[in-house]
Amino acid sequence: MESILPLPEKIVTRHGDVLEVTYQPLDLKAVEKLLSSRWAGAAVFFAGKTRDDRTIGVTRLEYEAYTTMAMKMLQTIVARARGTSSSAWPPSGHVVESKLHQDFNPPPNSDAIIRVVILNRLGPVLVGESSVLIGVACPHRHRAFQVAEWLLEETKRTVPIWKKEIRRAVTNHAANDDDAPSRWMPAEHA
């Protein structure tokens, strides 16, 4: 029986934030372009990559998501980040409506989040490839680092994305991909 893969999804908010789950390889240079703004004094990037832990022989990770819920959770996370001033950082458990939700032309204040990009990869992700990219543009670096780290932790904690490690079977004679036991786990265990 053929399995049905979840459809990739992408949302671009009215602030220009980009939230996406995709089967395509993630492109850090594209994220850099998306974060470009004349008001951004800082752009912070995080790339989570598949690594080979020598003790267990990971050859790739495979990601699945409940894409509709994942997109809703990503929107909620970004709204919480945008709705919290740096003096109240990190965000509390509720969404606060932000003055930044209005379209604006003048330069944002020093507390502003100019743009957010969160990309999550689905399907197989080989060793060395990115499974998540998070980018944040702000007027100042301190706020950009703060927001990027919080977005990563909240994405891992709340977004319904699961990973499965595919390992080499280690025997006395040979190692074969896909022979070792693997199990699905929340992506937060990365």
C-alpha atoms as a PDB file:
ATOM      1  CA  MET A   1       0.000   0.000   0.000  1.00  0.00           C
ATOM      2  CA  GLU A   2       1.384   3.394  -0.967  1.00  0.00           C
ATOM      3  CA  SER A   3       1.683   5.966   1.817  1.00  0.00           C
ATOM      4  CA  ILE A   4       0.425   9.492   1.377  1.00  0.00           C
ATOM      5  CA  LEU A   5       3.046  12.109   2.152  1.00  0.00           C
ATOM      6  CA  PRO A   6       1.957  15.358   3.809  1.00  0.00           C
ATOM      7  CA  LEU A   7       1.933  18.327   1.508  1.00  0.00           C
ATOM      8  CA  PRO A   8       4.651  20.891   2.047  1.00  0.00           C
ATOM      9  CA  GLU A   9       3.323  24.243   3.162  1.00  0.00           C
ATOM     10  CA  LYS A  10       4.566  27.815   3.118  1.00  0.00           C
ATOM     11  CA  ILE A  11       3.201  30.971   4.719  1.00  0.00           C
ATOM     12  CA  VAL A  12       4.437  34.505   4.187  1.00  0.00           C
ATOM     13  CA  THR A  13       3.005  36.838   6.819  1.00  0.00           C
ATOM     14  CA  ARG A  14       2.178  40.487   6.281  1.00  0.00           C
ATOM     15  CA  HIS A  15       5.496  41.309   7.985  1.00  0.00           C
ATOM     16  CA  GLY A  16       7.333  39.254   5.381  1.00  0.00           C
ATOM     17  CA  ASP A  17       8.069  36.421   7.836  1.00  0.00           C
ATOM     18  CA  VAL A  18       8.475  33.112   5.990  1.00  0.00           C
ATOM     19  CA  LEU A  19       7.376  29.853   7.627  1.00  0.00           C
ATOM     20  CA  GLU A  20       7.757  26.644   5.654  1.00  0.00           C
ATOM     21  CA  VAL A  21       7.870  22.867   5.837  1.00  0.00           C
ATOM     22  CA  THR A  22       9.303  21.385   2.659  1.00  0.00           C
ATOM     23  CA  TYR A  23      10.855  18.306   1.073  1.00  0.00           C
ATOM     24  CA  GLN A  24      13.375  20.502  -0.754  1.00  0.00           C
ATOM     25  CA  PRO A  25      16.941  21.085   0.531  1.00  0.00           C
ATOM     26  CA  LEU A  26      17.163  24.210   2.697  1.00  0.00           C
ATOM     27  CA  ASP A  27      19.139  27.165   1.333  1.00  0.00           C
ATOM     28  CA  LEU A  28      20.931  29.436   3.826  1.00  0.00           C
ATOM     29  CA  LYS A  29      21.711  32.030   1.142  1.00  0.00           C
ATOM     30  CA  ALA A  30      17.989  32.299   0.338  1.00  0.00           C
ATOM     31  CA  VAL A  31      17.268  32.872   4.045  1.00  0.00           C
ATOM     32  CA  GLU A  32      19.890  35.623   4.101  1.00  0.00           C
ATOM     33  CA  LYS A  33      18.123  37.362   1.196  1.00  0.00           C
ATOM     34  CA  LEU A  34      14.732  37.016   2.889  1.00  0.00           C
ATOM     35  CA  LEU A  35      16.097  38.729   6.014  1.00  0.00           C
ATOM     36  CA  SER A  36      17.562  41.638   4.098  1.00  0.00           C
ATOM     37  CA  SER A  37      16.325  45.030   5.309  1.00  0.00           C
ATOM     38  CA  ARG A  38      17.814  48.477   5.416  1.00  0.00           C
ATOM     39  CA  TRP A  39      16.833  48.636   9.104  1.00  0.00           C
ATOM     40  CA  ALA A  40      18.435  45.348  10.112  1.00  0.00           C
ATOM     41  CA  GLY A  41      21.690  45.877  11.944  1.00  0.00           C
ATOM     42  CA  ALA A  42      21.799  42.174  12.745  1.00  0.00           C
ATOM     43  CA  ALA A  43      20.769  38.982  11.018  1.00  0.00           C
ATOM     44  CA  VAL A  44      21.209  35.786  13.026  1.00  0.00           C
ATOM     45  CA  PHE A  45      21.059  32.346  11.408  1.00  0.00           C
ATOM     46  CA  PHE A  46      20.846  28.866  12.866  1.00  0.00           C
ATOM     47  CA  ALA A  47      21.205  25.709  10.790  1.00  0.00           C
ATOM     48  CA  GLY A  48      20.407  22.377  12.434  1.00  0.00           C
ATOM     49  CA  LYS A  49      22.217  19.630  10.520  1.00  0.00           C
ATOM     50  CA  THR A  50      22.186  15.849  10.474  1.00  0.00           C
ATOM     51  CA  ARG A  51      25.350  14.572  12.111  1.00  0.00           C
ATOM     52  CA  ASP A  52      26.886  11.143  12.357  1.00  0.00           C
ATOM     53  CA  ASP A  53      27.345  10.127  15.949  1.00  0.00           C
ATOM     54  CA  ARG A  54      30.247   7.674  15.623  1.00  0.00           C
ATOM     55  CA  THR A  55      28.844   5.480  18.375  1.00  0.00           C
ATOM     56  CA  ILE A  56      25.553   4.727  16.585  1.00  0.00           C
ATOM     57  CA  GLY A  57      26.407   5.242  12.891  1.00  0.00           C
ATOM     58  CA  VAL A  58      23.634   7.597  11.699  1.00  0.00           C
ATOM     59  CA  THR A  59      23.397   7.683   7.887  1.00  0.00           C
ATOM     60  CA  ARG A  60      20.379   9.989   7.637  1.00  0.00           C
ATOM     61  CA  LEU A  61      17.359  11.325   9.487  1.00  0.00           C
ATOM     62  CA  GLU A  62      13.831  11.105   8.140  1.00  0.00           C
ATOM     63  CA  TYR A  63      11.297  13.758   9.136  1.00  0.00           C
ATOM     64  CA  GLU A  64       7.505  13.643   9.145  1.00  0.00           C
ATOM     65  CA  ALA A  65       5.078  16.336  10.243  1.00  0.00           C
ATOM     66  CA  TYR A  66       1.450  17.017  10.871  1.00  0.00           C
ATOM     67  CA  THR A  67       1.852  19.909   8.443  1.00  0.00           C
ATOM     68  CA  THR A  68      -1.404  21.772   9.074  1.00  0.00           C
ATOM     69  CA  MET A  69      -0.798  21.856  12.820  1.00  0.00           C
ATOM     70  CA  ALA A  70       2.921  22.553  12.324  1.00  0.00           C
ATOM     71  CA  MET A  71       2.110  25.675  10.320  1.00  0.00           C
ATOM     72  CA  LYS A  72      -0.394  26.871  12.946  1.00  0.00           C
ATOM     73  CA  MET A  73       2.158  26.351  15.707  1.00  0.00           C
ATOM     74  CA  LEU A  74       4.875  28.193  13.761  1.00  0.00           C
ATOM     75  CA  GLN A  75       2.501  31.142  13.296  1.00  0.00           C
ATOM     76  CA  THR A  76       1.702  31.127  17.026  1.00  0.00           C
ATOM     77  CA  ILE A  77       5.380  31.030  17.975  1.00  0.00           C
ATOM     78  CA  VAL A  78       6.245  33.967  15.713  1.00  0.00           C
ATOM     79  CA  ALA A  79       3.227  35.954  16.982  1.00  0.00           C
ATOM     80  CA  ARG A  80       4.381  35.364  20.565  1.00  0.00           C
ATOM     81  CA  ALA A  81       7.911  36.516  19.709  1.00  0.00           C
ATOM     82  CA  ARG A  82       6.631  39.627  17.938  1.00  0.00           C
ATOM     83  CA  GLY A  83       4.213  40.411  20.774  1.00  0.00           C
ATOM     84  CA  THR A  84       6.808  40.449  23.548  1.00  0.00           C
ATOM     85  CA  SER A  85       9.107  43.371  24.250  1.00  0.00           C
ATOM     86  CA  SER A  86      12.703  42.655  25.222  1.00  0.00           C
ATOM     87  CA  SER A  87      11.988  43.830  28.776  1.00  0.00           C
ATOM     88  CA  ALA A  88       9.459  40.985  29.110  1.00  0.00           C
ATOM     89  CA  TRP A  89      11.621  38.382  27.364  1.00  0.00           C
ATOM     90  CA  PRO A  90      11.116  35.439  26.986  1.00  0.00           C
ATOM     91  CA  PRO A  91       7.448  35.411  25.969  1.00  0.00           C
ATOM     92  CA  SER A  92       4.883  34.197  28.472  1.00  0.00           C
ATOM     93  CA  GLY A  93       2.386  31.483  27.665  1.00  0.00           C
ATOM     94  CA  HIS A  94      -0.127  33.780  25.993  1.00  0.00           C
ATOM     95  CA  VAL A  95      -0.127  35.705  22.732  1.00  0.00           C
ATOM     96  CA  VAL A  96       0.128  39.462  23.117  1.00  0.00           C
ATOM     97  CA  GLU A  97      -1.004  41.615  20.214  1.00  0.00           C
ATOM     98  CA  SER A  98       1.993  43.571  18.986  1.00  0.00           C
ATOM     99  CA  LYS A  99       2.117  47.138  17.762  1.00  0.00           C
ATOM    100  CA  LEU A 100       4.399  45.724  15.047  1.00  0.00           C
ATOM    101  CA  HIS A 101       1.458  43.849  13.510  1.00  0.00           C
ATOM    102  CA  GLN A 102       0.568  47.112  11.794  1.00  0.00           C
ATOM    103  CA  ASP A 103       2.210  47.887   8.490  1.00  0.00           C
ATOM    104  CA  PHE A 104       4.870  50.519   8.992  1.00  0.00           C
ATOM    105  CA  ASN A 105       7.191  52.594   6.886  1.00  0.00           C
ATOM    106  CA  PRO A 106       9.373  54.388   9.434  1.00  0.00           C
ATOM    107  CA  PRO A 107      12.343  52.556  10.920  1.00  0.00           C
ATOM    108  CA  PRO A 108      11.301  50.216  13.756  1.00  0.00           C
ATOM    109  CA  ASN A 109      12.361  50.909  17.322  1.00  0.00           C
ATOM    110  CA  SER A 110      15.394  49.137  18.748  1.00  0.00           C
ATOM    111  CA  ASP A 111      13.147  46.428  20.244  1.00  0.00           C
ATOM    112  CA  ALA A 112      11.654  45.420  16.904  1.00  0.00           C
ATOM    113  CA  ILE A 113      11.790  42.107  15.124  1.00  0.00           C
ATOM    114  CA  ILE A 114      12.090  43.066  11.481  1.00  0.00           C
ATOM    115  CA  ARG A 115      11.741  39.610   9.943  1.00  0.00           C
ATOM    116  CA  VAL A 116      11.684  35.923  10.883  1.00  0.00           C
ATOM    117  CA  VAL A 117      12.331  32.870   8.710  1.00  0.00           C
ATOM    118  CA  ILE A 118      11.701  29.310   9.932  1.00  0.00           C
ATOM    119  CA  LEU A 119      12.221  26.467   7.454  1.00  0.00           C
ATOM    120  CA  ASN A 120      11.805  22.799   8.382  1.00  0.00           C
ATOM    121  CA  ARG A 121      12.806  19.945   6.113  1.00  0.00           C
ATOM    122  CA  LEU A 122      10.665  16.839   5.657  1.00  0.00           C
ATOM    123  CA  GLY A 123      11.646  13.438   4.280  1.00  0.00           C
ATOM    124  CA  PRO A 124      15.209  12.082   4.262  1.00  0.00           C
ATOM    125  CA  VAL A 125      17.999  14.432   5.376  1.00  0.00           C
ATOM    126  CA  LEU A 126      21.516  13.078   4.827  1.00  0.00           C
ATOM    127  CA  VAL A 127      24.493  13.640   7.117  1.00  0.00           C
ATOM    128  CA  GLY A 128      25.727  17.215   6.592  1.00  0.00           C
ATOM    129  CA  GLU A 129      22.391  18.535   5.271  1.00  0.00           C
ATOM    130  CA  SER A 130      20.218  21.047   7.135  1.00  0.00           C
ATOM    131  CA  SER A 131      16.936  19.926   8.686  1.00  0.00           C
ATOM    132  CA  VAL A 132      15.972  23.315  10.134  1.00  0.00           C
ATOM    133  CA  LEU A 133      16.965  26.895   9.324  1.00  0.00           C
ATOM    134  CA  ILE A 134      15.993  29.792  11.557  1.00  0.00           C
ATOM    135  CA  GLY A 135      16.804  33.381  10.747  1.00  0.00           C
ATOM    136  CA  VAL A 136      15.973  36.602  12.572  1.00  0.00           C
ATOM    137  CA  ALA A 137      16.602  40.191  11.505  1.00  0.00           C
ATOM    138  CA  CYS A 138      16.559  42.965  14.129  1.00  0.00           C
ATOM    139  CA  PRO A 139      18.093  46.422  14.476  1.00  0.00           C
ATOM    140  CA  HIS A 140      20.510  45.094  17.134  1.00  0.00           C
ATOM    141  CA  ARG A 141      22.337  41.791  17.614  1.00  0.00           C
ATOM    142  CA  HIS A 142      21.333  41.114  21.223  1.00  0.00           C
ATOM    143  CA  ARG A 143      17.637  40.981  20.372  1.00  0.00           C
ATOM    144  CA  ALA A 144      18.288  38.948  17.197  1.00  0.00           C
ATOM    145  CA  PHE A 145      20.235  36.286  19.136  1.00  0.00           C
ATOM    146  CA  GLN A 146      17.594  36.214  21.890  1.00  0.00           C
ATOM    147  CA  VAL A 147      14.736  35.741  19.462  1.00  0.00           C
ATOM    148  CA  ALA A 148      16.523  33.168  17.286  1.00  0.00           C
ATOM    149  CA  GLU A 149      17.371  30.942  20.235  1.00  0.00           C
ATOM    150  CA  TRP A 150      13.850  31.181  21.659  1.00  0.00           C
ATOM    151  CA  LEU A 151      12.295  30.409  18.261  1.00  0.00           C
ATOM    152  CA  LEU A 152      14.471  27.311  17.905  1.00  0.00           C
ATOM    153  CA  GLU A 153      13.604  25.987  21.366  1.00  0.00           C
ATOM    154  CA  GLU A 154       9.870  26.659  20.938  1.00  0.00           C
ATOM    155  CA  THR A 155       9.868  25.076  17.471  1.00  0.00           C
ATOM    156  CA  LYS A 156      11.533  21.940  18.829  1.00  0.00           C
ATOM    157  CA  ARG A 157       9.220  21.858  21.859  1.00  0.00           C
ATOM    158  CA  THR A 158       5.823  22.559  20.283  1.00  0.00           C
ATOM    159  CA  VAL A 159       5.766  21.926  16.523  1.00  0.00           C
ATOM    160  CA  PRO A 160       4.536  18.420  15.550  1.00  0.00           C
ATOM    161  CA  ILE A 161       7.550  17.251  13.567  1.00  0.00           C
ATOM    162  CA  TRP A 162       9.064  13.819  14.186  1.00  0.00           C
ATOM    163  CA  LYS A 163      12.370  12.318  13.159  1.00  0.00           C
ATOM    164  CA  LYS A 164      13.631   8.808  12.699  1.00  0.00           C
ATOM    165  CA  GLU A 165      17.341   7.981  12.793  1.00  0.00           C
ATOM    166  CA  ILE A 166      18.523   5.598  10.098  1.00  0.00           C
ATOM    167  CA  ARG A 167      21.699   3.849  11.218  1.00  0.00           C
ATOM    168  CA  ARG A 168      24.323   1.536   9.784  1.00  0.00           C
ATOM    169  CA  ALA A 169      24.136  -1.959  11.170  1.00  0.00           C
ATOM    170  CA  VAL A 170      27.474  -2.686  12.752  1.00  0.00           C
ATOM    171  CA  THR A 171      28.447  -6.363  12.610  1.00  0.00           C
ATOM    172  CA  ASN A 172      31.709  -8.249  12.724  1.00  0.00           C
ATOM    173  CA  HIS A 173      31.763  -8.487   8.924  1.00  0.00           C
ATOM    174  CA  ALA A 174      30.120  -5.447   7.353  1.00  0.00           C
ATOM    175  CA  ALA A 175      27.928  -2.388   7.814  1.00  0.00           C
ATOM    176  CA  ASN A 176      24.692  -2.033   5.864  1.00  0.00           C
ATOM    177  CA  ASP A 177      22.377   0.984   5.765  1.00  0.00           C
ATOM    178  CA  ASP A 178      18.779   0.485   6.880  1.00  0.00           C
ATOM    179  CA  ASP A 179      19.502  -2.734   8.797  1.00  0.00           C
ATOM    180  CA  ALA A 180      19.813  -1.208  12.241  1.00  0.00           C
ATOM    181  CA  PRO A 181      16.750  -0.626  14.413  1.00  0.00           C
ATOM    182  CA  SER A 182      15.277   2.863  14.120  1.00  0.00           C
ATOM    183  CA  ARG A 183      12.348   4.578  15.811  1.00  0.00           C
ATOM    184  CA  TRP A 184      10.328   7.748  15.365  1.00  0.00           C
ATOM    185  CA  MET A 185      10.845  10.408  18.016  1.00  0.00           C
ATOM    186  CA  PRO A 186       9.899  14.070  18.468  1.00  0.00           C
ATOM    187  CA  ALA A 187      12.320  16.283  16.531  1.00  0.00           C
ATOM    188  CA  GLU A 188      13.240  18.061  19.783  1.00  0.00           C
ATOM    189  CA  HIS A 189      15.617  15.194  20.582  1.00  0.00           C
ATOM    190  CA  ALA A 190      18.008  16.447  17.882  1.00  0.00           C
END
